[in-house]
Amino acid sequence: DGMTGYNQARKIMWIPFPFPHAQLAVFFSWISMLCVPLLLLQYANNKWMGASITFFTVLSLTGMHEVSKELENPFRNTPNDLPLCTMQAHFNEAM
């Protein structure tokens, strides 16, 4: 049913992401950026291998955090969003 899907999408739009959870995610991202290099310094035999593993580990964790920030509010109008109003207008004209 289309109206049920619409109402469920409205619930997602109007219920905000918990602020303490978002702050903890940022805090743990910073802690991982500080601790992972120290941990991998002990783990890796070669400093270049440790540096590259550290870079990709921190890059993936930070990337996941950035993606989650983009998905936090799916119905806002940002440059990364699809131009849904324009697409709907073209669809209506085609009908």
PDB file of N, CA and C in Angstrom:
ATOM      1  N   ASP A   1       0.841  -1.173   0.000  1.00  0.00           N
ATOM      2  CA  ASP A   1       0.000   0.000   0.000  1.00  0.00           C
ATOM      3  C   ASP A   1       0.891   1.243   0.000  1.00  0.00           C
ATOM      4  N   GLY A   2       0.608   2.157  -0.872  1.00  0.00           N
ATOM      5  CA  GLY A   2       1.438   3.349  -1.016  1.00  0.00           C
ATOM      6  C   GLY A   2       1.360   4.289   0.170  1.00  0.00           C
ATOM      7  N   MET A   3       0.183   4.408   0.777  1.00  0.00           N
ATOM      8  CA  MET A   3       0.030   5.327   1.905  1.00  0.00           C
ATOM      9  C   MET A   3       0.791   4.819   3.134  1.00  0.00           C
ATOM     10  N   THR A   4       0.853   3.510   3.303  1.00  0.00           N
ATOM     11  CA  THR A   4       1.618   2.945   4.421  1.00  0.00           C
ATOM     12  C   THR A   4       3.099   3.244   4.250  1.00  0.00           C
ATOM     13  N   GLY A   5       3.619   3.064   3.041  1.00  0.00           N
ATOM     14  CA  GLY A   5       5.013   3.386   2.775  1.00  0.00           C
ATOM     15  C   GLY A   5       5.304   4.863   2.977  1.00  0.00           C
ATOM     16  N   TYR A   6       4.366   5.706   2.560  1.00  0.00           N
ATOM     17  CA  TYR A   6       4.534   7.144   2.757  1.00  0.00           C
ATOM     18  C   TYR A   6       4.596   7.498   4.237  1.00  0.00           C
ATOM     19  N   ASN A   7       3.696   6.925   5.028  1.00  0.00           N
ATOM     20  CA  ASN A   7       3.694   7.214   6.457  1.00  0.00           C
ATOM     21  C   ASN A   7       4.942   6.678   7.149  1.00  0.00           C
ATOM     22  N   GLN A   8       5.446   5.545   6.710  1.00  0.00           N
ATOM     23  CA  GLN A   8       6.691   5.026   7.285  1.00  0.00           C
ATOM     24  C   GLN A   8       7.875   5.924   6.923  1.00  0.00           C
ATOM     25  N   ALA A   9       7.891   6.466   5.712  1.00  0.00           N
ATOM     26  CA  ALA A   9       8.952   7.391   5.319  1.00  0.00           C
ATOM     27  C   ALA A   9       8.864   8.681   6.118  1.00  0.00           C
ATOM     28  N   ARG A  10       7.661   9.140   6.405  1.00  0.00           N
ATOM     29  CA  ARG A  10       7.492  10.346   7.243  1.00  0.00           C
ATOM     30  C   ARG A  10       8.008  10.104   8.654  1.00  0.00           C
ATOM     31  N   LYS A  11       7.807   8.893   9.177  1.00  0.00           N
ATOM     32  CA  LYS A  11       8.334   8.575  10.513  1.00  0.00           C
ATOM     33  C   LYS A  11       9.848   8.677  10.525  1.00  0.00           C
ATOM     34  N   ILE A  12      10.492   8.150   9.485  1.00  0.00           N
ATOM     35  CA  ILE A  12      11.951   8.222   9.392  1.00  0.00           C
ATOM     36  C   ILE A  12      12.393   9.677   9.309  1.00  0.00           C
ATOM     37  N   MET A  13      11.640  10.487   8.584  1.00  0.00           N
ATOM     38  CA  MET A  13      12.027  11.881   8.397  1.00  0.00           C
ATOM     39  C   MET A  13      11.891  12.682   9.690  1.00  0.00           C
ATOM     40  N   TRP A  14      10.862  12.439  10.478  1.00  0.00           N
ATOM     41  CA  TRP A  14      10.578  13.286  11.629  1.00  0.00           C
ATOM     42  C   TRP A  14      11.194  12.802  12.928  1.00  0.00           C
ATOM     43  N   ILE A  15      11.639  11.543  13.015  1.00  0.00           N
ATOM     44  CA  ILE A  15      12.280  11.053  14.239  1.00  0.00           C
ATOM     45  C   ILE A  15      13.780  11.255  14.079  1.00  0.00           C
ATOM     46  N   PRO A  16      14.373  12.151  14.879  1.00  0.00           N
ATOM     47  CA  PRO A  16      15.799  12.434  14.704  1.00  0.00           C
ATOM     48  C   PRO A  16      16.675  11.315  15.249  1.00  0.00           C
ATOM     49  N   PHE A  17      17.904  11.272  14.725  1.00  0.00           N
ATOM     50  CA  PHE A  17      18.903  10.330  15.212  1.00  0.00           C
ATOM     51  C   PHE A  17      19.330  10.785  16.600  1.00  0.00           C
ATOM     52  N   PRO A  18      19.463   9.872  17.564  1.00  0.00           N
ATOM     53  CA  PRO A  18      19.804  10.287  18.928  1.00  0.00           C
ATOM     54  C   PRO A  18      21.149  11.011  18.980  1.00  0.00           C
ATOM     55  N   PHE A  19      21.127  12.213  19.544  1.00  0.00           N
ATOM     56  CA  PHE A  19      22.327  13.043  19.611  1.00  0.00           C
ATOM     57  C   PHE A  19      23.447  12.387  20.412  1.00  0.00           C
ATOM     58  N   PRO A  20      23.174  11.766  21.586  1.00  0.00           N
ATOM     59  CA  PRO A  20      24.281  11.120  22.313  1.00  0.00           C
ATOM     60  C   PRO A  20      24.939  10.000  21.515  1.00  0.00           C
ATOM     61  N   HIS A  21      24.163   9.273  20.733  1.00  0.00           N
ATOM     62  CA  HIS A  21      24.729   8.204  19.917  1.00  0.00           C
ATOM     63  C   HIS A  21      25.658   8.773  18.850  1.00  0.00           C
ATOM     64  N   ALA A  22      25.255   9.872  18.248  1.00  0.00           N
ATOM     65  CA  ALA A  22      26.097  10.513  17.237  1.00  0.00           C
ATOM     66  C   ALA A  22      27.388  11.039  17.856  1.00  0.00           C
ATOM     67  N   GLN A  23      27.296  11.612  19.053  1.00  0.00           N
ATOM     68  CA  GLN A  23      28.495  12.118  19.725  1.00  0.00           C
ATOM     69  C   GLN A  23      29.440  10.992  20.118  1.00  0.00           C
ATOM     70  N   LEU A  24      28.893   9.863  20.567  1.00  0.00           N
ATOM     71  CA  LEU A  24      29.737   8.710  20.890  1.00  0.00           C
ATOM     72  C   LEU A  24      30.419   8.153  19.647  1.00  0.00           C
ATOM     73  N   ALA A  25      29.726   8.162  18.527  1.00  0.00           N
ATOM     74  CA  ALA A  25      30.338   7.678  17.288  1.00  0.00           C
ATOM     75  C   ALA A  25      31.521   8.557  16.895  1.00  0.00           C
ATOM     76  N   VAL A  26      31.375   9.866  17.022  1.00  0.00           N
ATOM     77  CA  VAL A  26      32.483  10.782  16.715  1.00  0.00           C
ATOM     78  C   VAL A  26      33.623  10.577  17.703  1.00  0.00           C
ATOM     79  N   PHE A  27      33.290  10.441  18.981  1.00  0.00           N
ATOM     80  CA  PHE A  27      34.312  10.247  20.011  1.00  0.00           C
ATOM     81  C   PHE A  27      35.116   8.974  19.762  1.00  0.00           C
ATOM     82  N   PHE A  28      34.436   7.871  19.468  1.00  0.00           N
ATOM     83  CA  PHE A  28      35.139   6.617  19.227  1.00  0.00           C
ATOM     84  C   PHE A  28      35.919   6.633  17.917  1.00  0.00           C
ATOM     85  N   SER A  29      35.450   7.424  16.951  1.00  0.00           N
ATOM     86  CA  SER A  29      36.244   7.577  15.728  1.00  0.00           C
ATOM     87  C   SER A  29      37.567   8.268  16.037  1.00  0.00           C
ATOM     88  N   TRP A  30      37.534   9.311  16.857  1.00  0.00           N
ATOM     89  CA  TRP A  30      38.764  10.002  17.233  1.00  0.00           C
ATOM     90  C   TRP A  30      39.669   9.106  18.072  1.00  0.00           C
ATOM     91  N   ILE A  31      39.088   8.330  18.991  1.00  0.00           N
ATOM     92  CA  ILE A  31      39.892   7.419  19.799  1.00  0.00           C
ATOM     93  C   ILE A  31      40.567   6.373  18.911  1.00  0.00           C
ATOM     94  N   SER A  32      39.835   5.871  17.923  1.00  0.00           N
ATOM     95  CA  SER A  32      40.440   4.876  17.029  1.00  0.00           C
ATOM     96  C   SER A  32      41.552   5.503  16.189  1.00  0.00           C
ATOM     97  N   MET A  33      41.381   6.783  15.796  1.00  0.00           N
ATOM     98  CA  MET A  33      42.440   7.444  15.032  1.00  0.00           C
ATOM     99  C   MET A  33      43.710   7.610  15.859  1.00  0.00           C
ATOM    100  N   LEU A  34      43.565   7.728  17.160  1.00  0.00           N
ATOM    101  CA  LEU A  34      44.728   7.891  18.021  1.00  0.00           C
ATOM    102  C   LEU A  34      45.331   6.555  18.457  1.00  0.00           C
ATOM    103  N   CYS A  35      44.486   5.545  18.662  1.00  0.00           N
ATOM    104  CA  CYS A  35      44.971   4.268  19.207  1.00  0.00           C
ATOM    105  C   CYS A  35      45.441   3.280  18.147  1.00  0.00           C
ATOM    106  N   VAL A  36      44.815   3.278  16.988  1.00  0.00           N
ATOM    107  CA  VAL A  36      45.171   2.301  15.950  1.00  0.00           C
ATOM    108  C   VAL A  36      46.638   2.422  15.525  1.00  0.00           C
ATOM    109  N   PRO A  37      47.184   3.624  15.337  1.00  0.00           N
ATOM    110  CA  PRO A  37      48.610   3.682  14.976  1.00  0.00           C
ATOM    111  C   PRO A  37      49.517   3.090  16.059  1.00  0.00           C
ATOM    112  N   LEU A  38      49.195   3.322  17.309  1.00  0.00           N
ATOM    113  CA  LEU A  38      50.019   2.773  18.386  1.00  0.00           C
ATOM    114  C   LEU A  38      49.918   1.254  18.456  1.00  0.00           C
ATOM    115  N   LEU A  39      48.724   0.737  18.235  1.00  0.00           N
ATOM    116  CA  LEU A  39      48.543  -0.710  18.266  1.00  0.00           C
ATOM    117  C   LEU A  39      49.228  -1.387  17.081  1.00  0.00           C
ATOM    118  N   LEU A  40      49.112  -0.802  15.905  1.00  0.00           N
ATOM    119  CA  LEU A  40      49.711  -1.413  14.722  1.00  0.00           C
ATOM    120  C   LEU A  40      51.223  -1.232  14.684  1.00  0.00           C
ATOM    121  N   LEU A  41      51.753  -0.279  15.423  1.00  0.00           N
ATOM    122  CA  LEU A  41      53.200  -0.144  15.538  1.00  0.00           C
ATOM    123  C   LEU A  41      53.790  -1.375  16.217  1.00  0.00           C
ATOM    124  N   GLN A  42      53.062  -1.937  17.176  1.00  0.00           N
ATOM    125  CA  GLN A  42      53.504  -3.147  17.851  1.00  0.00           C
ATOM    126  C   GLN A  42      53.239  -4.402  17.014  1.00  0.00           C
ATOM    127  N   TYR A  43      52.199  -4.354  16.192  1.00  0.00           N
ATOM    128  CA  TYR A  43      51.784  -5.532  15.424  1.00  0.00           C
ATOM    129  C   TYR A  43      52.633  -5.736  14.167  1.00  0.00           C
ATOM    130  N   ALA A  44      52.898  -4.667  13.444  1.00  0.00           N
ATOM    131  CA  ALA A  44      53.572  -4.781  12.148  1.00  0.00           C
ATOM    132  C   ALA A  44      55.087  -4.786  12.335  1.00  0.00           C
ATOM    133  N   ASN A  45      55.770  -5.616  11.549  1.00  0.00           N
ATOM    134  CA  ASN A  45      57.229  -5.674  11.603  1.00  0.00           C
ATOM    135  C   ASN A  45      57.864  -4.526  10.821  1.00  0.00           C
ATOM    136  N   ASN A  46      57.253  -4.160   9.724  1.00  0.00           N
ATOM    137  CA  ASN A  46      57.757  -3.101   8.856  1.00  0.00           C
ATOM    138  C   ASN A  46      56.956  -1.822   9.115  1.00  0.00           C
ATOM    139  N   LYS A  47      57.630  -0.692   9.248  1.00  0.00           N
ATOM    140  CA  LYS A  47      56.924   0.559   9.543  1.00  0.00           C
ATOM    141  C   LYS A  47      56.032   0.998   8.388  1.00  0.00           C
ATOM    142  N   TRP A  48      56.436   0.733   7.145  1.00  0.00           N
ATOM    143  CA  TRP A  48      55.607   1.113   6.006  1.00  0.00           C
ATOM    144  C   TRP A  48      54.344   0.275   5.940  1.00  0.00           C
ATOM    145  N   MET A  49      54.458  -1.007   6.276  1.00  0.00           N
ATOM    146  CA  MET A  49      53.266  -1.850   6.292  1.00  0.00           C
ATOM    147  C   MET A  49      52.323  -1.394   7.405  1.00  0.00           C
ATOM    148  N   GLY A  50      52.886  -1.078   8.568  1.00  0.00           N
ATOM    149  CA  GLY A  50      52.059  -0.583   9.668  1.00  0.00           C
ATOM    150  C   GLY A  50      51.375   0.725   9.330  1.00  0.00           C
ATOM    151  N   ALA A  51      52.107   1.608   8.651  1.00  0.00           N
ATOM    152  CA  ALA A  51      51.517   2.890   8.264  1.00  0.00           C
ATOM    153  C   ALA A  51      50.394   2.702   7.245  1.00  0.00           C
ATOM    154  N   SER A  52      50.595   1.808   6.286  1.00  0.00           N
ATOM    155  CA  SER A  52      49.544   1.594   5.277  1.00  0.00           C
ATOM    156  C   SER A  52      48.319   0.911   5.884  1.00  0.00           C
ATOM    157  N   ILE A  53      48.528  -0.060   6.765  1.00  0.00           N
ATOM    158  CA  ILE A  53      47.387  -0.714   7.425  1.00  0.00           C
ATOM    159  C   ILE A  53      46.640   0.302   8.288  1.00  0.00           C
ATOM    160  N   THR A  54      47.381   1.150   8.992  1.00  0.00           N
ATOM    161  CA  THR A  54      46.755   2.187   9.805  1.00  0.00           C
ATOM    162  C   THR A  54      45.942   3.137   8.945  1.00  0.00           C
ATOM    163  N   PHE A  55      46.525   3.563   7.828  1.00  0.00           N
ATOM    164  CA  PHE A  55      45.821   4.495   6.946  1.00  0.00           C
ATOM    165  C   PHE A  55      44.508   3.909   6.458  1.00  0.00           C
ATOM    166  N   PHE A  56      44.529   2.670   5.975  1.00  0.00           N
ATOM    167  CA  PHE A  56      43.304   2.082   5.431  1.00  0.00           C
ATOM    168  C   PHE A  56      42.290   1.745   6.520  1.00  0.00           C
ATOM    169  N   THR A  57      42.754   1.392   7.706  1.00  0.00           N
ATOM    170  CA  THR A  57      41.822   1.123   8.803  1.00  0.00           C
ATOM    171  C   THR A  57      41.105   2.400   9.227  1.00  0.00           C
ATOM    172  N   VAL A  58      41.865   3.449   9.444  1.00  0.00           N
ATOM    173  CA  VAL A  58      41.255   4.714   9.851  1.00  0.00           C
ATOM    174  C   VAL A  58      40.412   5.288   8.722  1.00  0.00           C
ATOM    175  N   LEU A  59      40.848   5.132   7.478  1.00  0.00           N
ATOM    176  CA  LEU A  59      40.073   5.606   6.336  1.00  0.00           C
ATOM    177  C   LEU A  59      38.721   4.900   6.260  1.00  0.00           C
ATOM    178  N   SER A  60      38.702   3.592   6.478  1.00  0.00           N
ATOM    179  CA  SER A  60      37.429   2.864   6.404  1.00  0.00           C
ATOM    180  C   SER A  60      36.501   3.251   7.550  1.00  0.00           C
ATOM    181  N   LEU A  61      37.023   3.404   8.759  1.00  0.00           N
ATOM    182  CA  LEU A  61      36.175   3.803   9.881  1.00  0.00           C
ATOM    183  C   LEU A  61      35.629   5.221   9.697  1.00  0.00           C
ATOM    184  N   THR A  62      36.476   6.128   9.243  1.00  0.00           N
ATOM    185  CA  THR A  62      36.029   7.491   9.009  1.00  0.00           C
ATOM    186  C   THR A  62      35.047   7.545   7.837  1.00  0.00           C
ATOM    187  N   GLY A  63      35.288   6.742   6.816  1.00  0.00           N
ATOM    188  CA  GLY A  63      34.368   6.680   5.677  1.00  0.00           C
ATOM    189  C   GLY A  63      32.995   6.177   6.076  1.00  0.00           C
ATOM    190  N   MET A  64      32.954   5.148   6.920  1.00  0.00           N
ATOM    191  CA  MET A  64      31.658   4.658   7.395  1.00  0.00           C
ATOM    192  C   MET A  64      30.929   5.722   8.207  1.00  0.00           C
ATOM    193  N   HIS A  65      31.686   6.485   8.982  1.00  0.00           N
ATOM    194  CA  HIS A  65      31.057   7.556   9.767  1.00  0.00           C
ATOM    195  C   HIS A  65      30.495   8.644   8.848  1.00  0.00           C
ATOM    196  N   GLU A  66      31.236   9.007   7.822  1.00  0.00           N
ATOM    197  CA  GLU A  66      30.751  10.030   6.885  1.00  0.00           C
ATOM    198  C   GLU A  66      29.522   9.558   6.113  1.00  0.00           C
ATOM    199  N   VAL A  67      29.507   8.293   5.721  1.00  0.00           N
ATOM    200  CA  VAL A  67      28.329   7.745   5.028  1.00  0.00           C
ATOM    201  C   VAL A  67      27.125   7.742   5.957  1.00  0.00           C
ATOM    202  N   SER A  68      27.341   7.392   7.216  1.00  0.00           N
ATOM    203  CA  SER A  68      26.219   7.385   8.153  1.00  0.00           C
ATOM    204  C   SER A  68      25.690   8.800   8.388  1.00  0.00           C
ATOM    205  N   LYS A  69      26.567   9.818   8.340  1.00  0.00           N
ATOM    206  CA  LYS A  69      26.084  11.193   8.459  1.00  0.00           C
ATOM    207  C   LYS A  69      25.231  11.577   7.257  1.00  0.00           C
ATOM    208  N   GLU A  70      25.598  11.102   6.077  1.00  0.00           N
ATOM    209  CA  GLU A  70      24.790  11.399   4.892  1.00  0.00           C
ATOM    210  C   GLU A  70      23.437  10.696   4.952  1.00  0.00           C
ATOM    211  N   LEU A  71      23.415   9.476   5.492  1.00  0.00           N
ATOM    212  CA  LEU A  71      22.174   8.714   5.552  1.00  0.00           C
ATOM    213  C   LEU A  71      21.311   9.079   6.754  1.00  0.00           C
ATOM    214  N   GLU A  72      21.827   9.910   7.645  1.00  0.00           N
ATOM    215  CA  GLU A  72      21.094  10.267   8.854  1.00  0.00           C
ATOM    216  C   GLU A  72      19.796  10.990   8.534  1.00  0.00           C
ATOM    217  N   ASN A  73      19.825  11.865   7.561  1.00  0.00           N
ATOM    218  CA  ASN A  73      18.634  12.600   7.167  1.00  0.00           C
ATOM    219  C   ASN A  73      18.451  12.422   5.670  1.00  0.00           C
ATOM    220  N   PRO A  74      17.729  11.381   5.251  1.00  0.00           N
ATOM    221  CA  PRO A  74      17.654  11.073   3.819  1.00  0.00           C
ATOM    222  C   PRO A  74      16.778  12.027   3.013  1.00  0.00           C
ATOM    223  N   PHE A  75      15.983  12.855   3.657  1.00  0.00           N
ATOM    224  CA  PHE A  75      15.038  13.678   2.914  1.00  0.00           C
ATOM    225  C   PHE A  75      15.404  15.154   2.877  1.00  0.00           C
ATOM    226  N   ARG A  76      16.636  15.495   3.210  1.00  0.00           N
ATOM    227  CA  ARG A  76      17.025  16.897   3.103  1.00  0.00           C
ATOM    228  C   ARG A  76      17.493  17.174   1.682  1.00  0.00           C
ATOM    229  N   ASN A  77      17.651  18.436   1.380  1.00  0.00           N
ATOM    230  CA  ASN A  77      17.987  18.834   0.015  1.00  0.00           C
ATOM    231  C   ASN A  77      19.459  19.250  -0.018  1.00  0.00           C
ATOM    232  N   THR A  78      20.341  18.312  -0.258  1.00  0.00           N
ATOM    233  CA  THR A  78      21.773  18.582  -0.329  1.00  0.00           C
ATOM    234  C   THR A  78      22.277  18.270  -1.733  1.00  0.00           C
ATOM    235  N   PRO A  79      23.496  18.694  -2.063  1.00  0.00           N
ATOM    236  CA  PRO A  79      24.019  18.446  -3.416  1.00  0.00           C
ATOM    237  C   PRO A  79      24.160  16.962  -3.755  1.00  0.00           C
ATOM    238  N   ASN A  80      24.270  16.079  -2.768  1.00  0.00           N
ATOM    239  CA  ASN A  80      24.417  14.660  -3.053  1.00  0.00           C
ATOM    240  C   ASN A  80      23.093  13.954  -3.316  1.00  0.00           C
ATOM    241  N   ASP A  81      21.990  14.631  -3.087  1.00  0.00           N
ATOM    242  CA  ASP A  81      20.686  14.014  -3.267  1.00  0.00           C
ATOM    243  C   ASP A  81      20.241  14.069  -4.724  1.00  0.00           C
ATOM    244  N   LEU A  82      19.316  13.196  -5.053  1.00  0.00           N
ATOM    245  CA  LEU A  82      18.732  13.201  -6.382  1.00  0.00           C
ATOM    246  C   LEU A  82      17.752  14.369  -6.509  1.00  0.00           C
ATOM    247  N   PRO A  83      17.648  14.978  -7.660  1.00  0.00           N
ATOM    248  CA  PRO A  83      16.675  16.060  -7.847  1.00  0.00           C
ATOM    249  C   PRO A  83      15.280  15.464  -8.054  1.00  0.00           C
ATOM    250  N   LEU A  84      14.665  15.029  -6.957  1.00  0.00           N
ATOM    251  CA  LEU A  84      13.403  14.307  -7.065  1.00  0.00           C
ATOM    252  C   LEU A  84      12.272  15.170  -7.597  1.00  0.00           C
ATOM    253  N   CYS A  85      12.240  16.445  -7.221  1.00  0.00           N
ATOM    254  CA  CYS A  85      11.169  17.321  -7.729  1.00  0.00           C
ATOM    255  C   CYS A  85      11.266  17.469  -9.242  1.00  0.00           C
ATOM    256  N   THR A  86      12.467  17.637  -9.747  1.00  0.00           N
ATOM    257  CA  THR A  86      12.669  17.753 -11.193  1.00  0.00           C
ATOM    258  C   THR A  86      12.330  16.450 -11.895  1.00  0.00           C
ATOM    259  N   MET A  87      12.753  15.339 -11.316  1.00  0.00           N
ATOM    260  CA  MET A  87      12.454  14.048 -11.920  1.00  0.00           C
ATOM    261  C   MET A  87      10.954  13.782 -11.938  1.00  0.00           C
ATOM    262  N   GLN A  88      10.254  14.168 -10.862  1.00  0.00           N
ATOM    263  CA  GLN A  88       8.801  13.992 -10.820  1.00  0.00           C
ATOM    264  C   GLN A  88       8.123  14.874 -11.849  1.00  0.00           C
ATOM    265  N   ALA A  89       8.625  16.090 -12.025  1.00  0.00           N
ATOM    266  CA  ALA A  89       8.028  16.993 -13.028  1.00  0.00           C
ATOM    267  C   ALA A  89       8.225  16.437 -14.439  1.00  0.00           C
ATOM    268  N   HIS A  90       9.409  15.892 -14.745  1.00  0.00           N
ATOM    269  CA  HIS A  90       9.641  15.280 -16.054  1.00  0.00           C
ATOM    270  C   HIS A  90       8.753  14.058 -16.253  1.00  0.00           C
ATOM    271  N   PHE A  91       8.565  13.285 -15.198  1.00  0.00           N
ATOM    272  CA  PHE A  91       7.705  12.108 -15.277  1.00  0.00           C
ATOM    273  C   PHE A  91       6.260  12.523 -15.546  1.00  0.00           C
ATOM    274  N   ASN A  92       5.807  13.562 -14.845  1.00  0.00           N
ATOM    275  CA  ASN A  92       4.432  14.035 -15.048  1.00  0.00           C
ATOM    276  C   ASN A  92       4.237  14.582 -16.456  1.00  0.00           C
ATOM    277  N   GLU A  93       5.255  15.267 -16.995  1.00  0.00           N
ATOM    278  CA  GLU A  93       5.139  15.784 -18.361  1.00  0.00           C
ATOM    279  C   GLU A  93       5.117  14.652 -19.374  1.00  0.00           C
ATOM    280  N   ALA A  94       5.836  13.570 -19.079  1.00  0.00           N
ATOM    281  CA  ALA A  94       5.873  12.440 -20.008  1.00  0.00           C
ATOM    282  C   ALA A  94       4.558  11.686 -20.038  1.00  0.00           C
ATOM    283  N   MET A  95       3.795  11.785 -18.971  1.00  0.00           N
ATOM    284  CA  MET A  95       2.511  11.088 -18.932  1.00  0.00           C
ATOM    285  C   MET A  95       1.531  11.876 -19.746  1.00  0.00           C
TER     286      MET A  95
END
